[in-house]
Amino acid sequence: MGVNNKKITTINKEGKATLWLYLIFSIICNYLIFRFVPQTWIAYIVLLATLVVFSLLINFFRNPRRIFPSQDKENVVVAAADGKIVAIEEVDETDYFMGRCIVISTFMSVFSVHANWVPSNGTVTKVEHTDGSFHAAFKPKSSTENERSLIVIKTDTNKEIMVRQIAGALARRVVTYCKPGQECSIDQHLGFIKFGSRVDIYIPKDSFVCVKLGQKVKANQTILAKLQ
């Protein structure tokens, strides 16, 4: 039986400091312009611009409440990020698996929800952060050259999957909440990436892929694959 998601949206904790700092800056800026700039039309343009930017920041840092819409969570891999599927391919993974596996890549635009969710129930066995470049996140080389975090999860059925959070051309901070040895489950937050970015999920090559290239997916809602 499905579970209904209530439409509750808050501000992610990663954005609260940014929003407060921007709000203080915009208030001071608008006060000075209205106080000392004689051309009223300039003041109103600046006010409108600061309100638009503030609205965009609120949209970017939104944190919707989500519950996976099925009771059957065994052997499923759920989308960790909102966005568009830009790659589904069998690759040689050299950071952890050291062998062939399937990677499913989701590109997140600046308008996507940028909170990330845990894709499978299990136990976190490895977390590793790597500094790097800031290529556009939709480019394949971003997976191996950009700043990124690697999270390995052993599922409840003893399968291993790997999540890679990747910074983009605009993204300058990758936040990961998971810790090695921690039990994790679908519906939990995995982390957050500030501004346009990408999330890759590596799964065993005998897995059944449930999405297609170009498909839009929703974190914690769309099933990406089923493990054999």
Protein backbone atom coordinates (compact mmCIF):
# COMPACT_ATOMS: atom_id res chain seq x y z
CA MET A 1 0.00 0.00 0.00
CA GLY A 2 1.40 3.43 -0.90
CA VAL A 3 2.22 6.20 1.50
CA ASN A 4 0.90 9.69 0.85
CA ASN A 5 3.43 12.51 1.02
CA LYS A 6 2.18 15.65 2.71
CA LYS A 7 3.16 18.78 0.81
CA ILE A 8 5.41 20.21 3.52
CA THR A 9 8.47 22.20 2.47
CA THR A 10 11.01 23.83 4.77
CA ILE A 11 14.43 25.44 4.28
CA ASN A 12 17.37 23.06 4.33
CA LYS A 13 19.80 23.70 7.18
CA GLU A 14 22.62 24.19 4.65
CA GLY A 15 20.92 27.33 3.35
CA LYS A 16 19.84 29.12 6.53
CA ALA A 17 23.11 31.02 7.07
CA THR A 18 23.27 32.00 3.39
CA LEU A 19 19.70 33.29 3.41
CA TRP A 20 20.18 35.31 6.60
CA LEU A 21 23.41 36.89 5.32
CA TYR A 22 21.82 37.74 1.98
CA LEU A 23 18.72 39.18 3.68
CA ILE A 24 20.85 41.45 5.92
CA PHE A 25 22.96 42.53 2.94
CA SER A 26 19.91 43.30 0.77
CA ILE A 27 18.20 45.32 3.53
CA ILE A 28 21.33 47.45 4.07
CA CYS A 29 21.89 47.84 0.33
CA ASN A 30 18.30 48.90 -0.37
CA TYR A 31 18.26 51.30 2.58
CA LEU A 32 21.42 53.06 1.36
CA ILE A 33 20.14 53.30 -2.22
CA PHE A 34 16.71 54.65 -1.22
CA ARG A 35 18.42 57.07 1.19
CA PHE A 36 21.18 58.48 -1.01
CA VAL A 37 20.39 57.80 -4.71
CA PRO A 38 18.16 60.60 -6.11
CA GLN A 39 16.83 58.54 -9.05
CA THR A 40 13.87 56.65 -7.57
CA TRP A 41 13.62 54.27 -10.54
CA ILE A 42 17.13 52.93 -9.82
CA ALA A 43 16.17 52.18 -6.23
CA TYR A 44 13.11 50.24 -7.33
CA ILE A 45 15.10 48.23 -9.88
CA VAL A 46 17.64 47.26 -7.20
CA LEU A 47 14.81 46.34 -4.81
CA LEU A 48 13.19 44.14 -7.45
CA ALA A 49 16.53 42.48 -8.29
CA THR A 50 17.27 41.66 -4.64
CA LEU A 51 13.78 40.21 -4.18
CA VAL A 52 14.19 38.02 -7.29
CA VAL A 53 17.56 36.70 -6.08
CA PHE A 54 16.13 36.04 -2.60
CA SER A 55 13.24 34.08 -4.16
CA LEU A 56 15.70 32.02 -6.21
CA LEU A 57 17.76 31.23 -3.11
CA ILE A 58 14.66 30.13 -1.18
CA ASN A 59 13.71 27.91 -4.13
CA PHE A 60 17.21 26.42 -4.29
CA PHE A 61 17.43 25.62 -0.57
CA ARG A 62 13.90 24.23 -0.29
CA ASN A 63 13.64 20.96 1.60
CA PRO A 64 10.43 19.06 0.77
CA ARG A 65 9.16 16.33 3.09
CA ARG A 66 9.19 13.02 1.22
CA ILE A 67 8.31 9.44 2.09
CA PHE A 68 9.00 6.58 -0.31
CA PRO A 69 5.57 5.60 -1.71
CA SER A 70 5.90 1.84 -1.17
CA GLN A 71 6.37 -0.51 1.77
CA ASP A 72 8.61 -2.77 -0.34
CA LYS A 73 12.12 -1.34 0.08
CA GLU A 74 14.12 -4.55 -0.31
CA ASN A 75 16.47 -4.79 -3.30
CA VAL A 76 15.43 -1.43 -4.74
CA VAL A 77 17.71 1.49 -5.57
CA VAL A 78 15.85 4.79 -5.38
CA ALA A 79 16.93 8.08 -6.93
CA ALA A 80 19.21 10.02 -4.59
CA ALA A 81 18.68 13.33 -6.40
CA ASP A 82 16.11 15.27 -8.37
CA GLY A 83 17.00 15.87 -11.99
CA LYS A 84 17.50 14.29 -15.39
CA ILE A 85 19.16 10.95 -16.20
CA VAL A 86 22.20 11.83 -18.33
CA ALA A 87 23.98 8.46 -18.34
CA ILE A 88 23.16 4.77 -17.99
CA GLU A 89 26.14 2.63 -18.89
CA GLU A 90 28.35 -0.26 -17.90
CA VAL A 91 31.76 1.04 -16.83
CA ASP A 92 35.02 -0.03 -15.20
CA GLU A 93 34.83 1.50 -11.72
CA THR A 94 38.31 2.04 -10.26
CA ASP A 95 37.73 3.88 -6.96
CA TYR A 96 36.11 1.02 -5.04
CA PHE A 97 34.65 -1.92 -6.99
CA MET A 98 37.69 -2.32 -9.25
CA GLY A 99 35.54 -3.95 -11.90
CA ARG A 100 32.53 -3.69 -14.17
CA CYS A 101 29.28 -2.22 -12.88
CA ILE A 102 26.40 -0.06 -14.04
CA VAL A 103 26.40 3.68 -13.36
CA ILE A 104 23.22 5.77 -13.43
CA SER A 105 23.92 9.52 -13.45
CA THR A 106 21.44 12.25 -12.51
CA PHE A 107 22.16 15.87 -13.46
CA MET A 108 20.70 18.49 -11.12
CA SER A 109 20.03 21.96 -12.54
CA VAL A 110 20.05 25.10 -10.38
CA PHE A 111 16.25 24.79 -10.18
CA SER A 112 16.29 21.24 -8.77
CA VAL A 113 15.91 20.33 -5.11
CA HIS A 114 19.54 19.93 -4.05
CA ALA A 115 19.05 17.80 -0.96
CA ASN A 116 20.15 14.20 -1.56
CA TRP A 117 18.44 11.10 -0.15
CA VAL A 118 19.78 7.64 0.77
CA PRO A 119 19.03 5.28 -2.18
CA SER A 120 18.83 1.93 -0.32
CA ASN A 121 18.42 0.46 3.13
CA GLY A 122 21.66 -0.85 4.59
CA THR A 123 24.89 0.09 6.34
CA VAL A 124 27.41 2.73 5.27
CA THR A 125 30.81 1.04 4.90
CA LYS A 126 32.89 3.84 3.40
CA VAL A 127 32.78 7.64 3.04
CA GLU A 128 35.53 9.51 1.22
CA HIS A 129 35.83 13.13 0.05
CA THR A 130 38.13 14.12 -2.82
CA ASP A 131 39.06 17.67 -3.80
CA GLY A 132 39.14 18.40 -7.50
CA SER A 133 38.15 20.64 -10.40
CA PHE A 134 34.79 22.21 -11.23
CA HIS A 135 33.90 21.06 -14.73
CA ALA A 136 30.27 21.30 -15.86
CA ALA A 137 28.46 18.50 -14.02
CA PHE A 138 26.83 17.06 -17.15
CA LYS A 139 30.25 16.21 -18.66
CA PRO A 140 31.45 12.60 -18.14
CA LYS A 141 34.88 13.68 -16.84
CA SER A 142 33.21 15.45 -13.91
CA SER A 143 32.74 12.00 -12.31
CA THR A 144 36.48 11.48 -11.93
CA GLU A 145 37.98 14.99 -11.96
CA ASN A 146 35.58 17.22 -10.00
CA GLU A 147 35.35 17.67 -6.24
CA ARG A 148 33.28 14.72 -5.04
CA SER A 149 32.24 12.49 -2.18
CA LEU A 150 32.04 8.70 -2.36
CA ILE A 151 29.60 6.74 -0.18
CA VAL A 152 29.45 2.94 -0.21
CA ILE A 153 26.35 1.20 1.19
CA LYS A 154 26.01 -2.53 1.88
CA THR A 155 22.33 -3.26 1.50
CA ASP A 156 20.27 -5.46 3.81
CA THR A 157 20.63 -8.26 1.23
CA ASN A 158 24.47 -7.95 1.22
CA LYS A 159 24.73 -6.16 -2.11
CA GLU A 160 27.02 -3.14 -2.41
CA ILE A 161 26.15 0.11 -4.15
CA MET A 162 28.14 3.31 -4.38
CA VAL A 163 26.89 6.90 -4.47
CA ARG A 164 29.10 9.67 -5.78
CA GLN A 165 28.11 13.29 -5.09
CA ILE A 166 29.82 15.53 -7.64
CA ALA A 167 30.32 19.29 -7.60
CA GLY A 168 29.61 21.21 -10.81
CA ALA A 169 30.80 24.39 -12.50
CA LEU A 170 28.79 26.46 -10.01
CA ALA A 171 28.77 24.06 -7.07
CA ARG A 172 31.58 24.72 -4.62
CA ARG A 173 30.54 22.59 -1.68
CA VAL A 174 29.54 18.96 -1.32
CA VAL A 175 28.05 18.04 2.06
CA THR A 176 27.73 14.40 3.16
CA TYR A 177 25.87 13.39 6.32
CA CYS A 178 26.61 9.65 6.25
CA LYS A 179 29.35 8.17 8.45
CA PRO A 180 31.09 4.78 8.15
CA GLY A 181 29.32 2.12 10.23
CA GLN A 182 26.05 4.05 10.30
CA GLU A 183 22.82 2.27 9.46
CA CYS A 184 20.94 4.12 6.75
CA SER A 185 17.56 3.84 5.10
CA ILE A 186 15.42 5.23 2.33
CA ASP A 187 13.67 8.47 3.49
CA GLN A 188 16.87 9.69 5.21
CA HIS A 189 18.92 12.58 3.87
CA LEU A 190 22.31 11.59 2.48
CA GLY A 191 23.68 15.10 1.99
CA PHE A 192 23.43 18.34 0.02
CA ILE A 193 25.24 19.90 -2.96
CA LYS A 194 25.21 23.66 -3.36
CA PHE A 195 24.17 24.77 -6.87
CA GLY A 196 24.17 22.81 -10.17
CA SER A 197 25.68 19.37 -9.73
CA ARG A 198 25.42 15.63 -10.35
CA VAL A 199 24.90 12.35 -8.48
CA ASP A 200 26.17 9.01 -9.82
CA ILE A 201 24.97 5.68 -8.42
CA TYR A 202 26.99 2.54 -9.14
CA ILE A 203 25.18 -0.80 -8.92
CA PRO A 204 26.05 -4.45 -9.72
CA LYS A 205 26.01 -5.13 -13.47
CA ASP A 206 23.30 -7.81 -13.12
CA SER A 207 20.83 -5.25 -11.75
CA PHE A 208 17.59 -4.47 -13.59
CA VAL A 209 17.52 -0.79 -14.60
CA CYS A 210 14.07 0.81 -14.31
CA VAL A 211 14.75 4.25 -15.87
CA LYS A 212 15.83 5.45 -19.30
CA LEU A 213 18.17 8.10 -20.65
CA GLY A 214 16.70 11.60 -20.53
CA GLN A 215 14.03 10.68 -17.97
CA LYS A 216 13.31 13.14 -15.17
CA VAL A 217 13.50 11.53 -11.73
CA LYS A 218 12.55 12.55 -8.23
CA ALA A 219 14.73 11.80 -5.21
CA ASN A 220 13.30 9.28 -2.75
CA GLN A 221 10.38 8.63 -5.13
CA THR A 222 11.65 7.19 -8.44
CA ILE A 223 13.05 3.63 -8.49
CA LEU A 224 16.25 3.63 -10.54
CA ALA A 225 16.95 -0.11 -10.43
CA LYS A 226 16.20 -3.42 -8.78
CA LEU A 227 19.01 -5.60 -7.43
CA GLN A 228 19.05 -9.29 -8.33
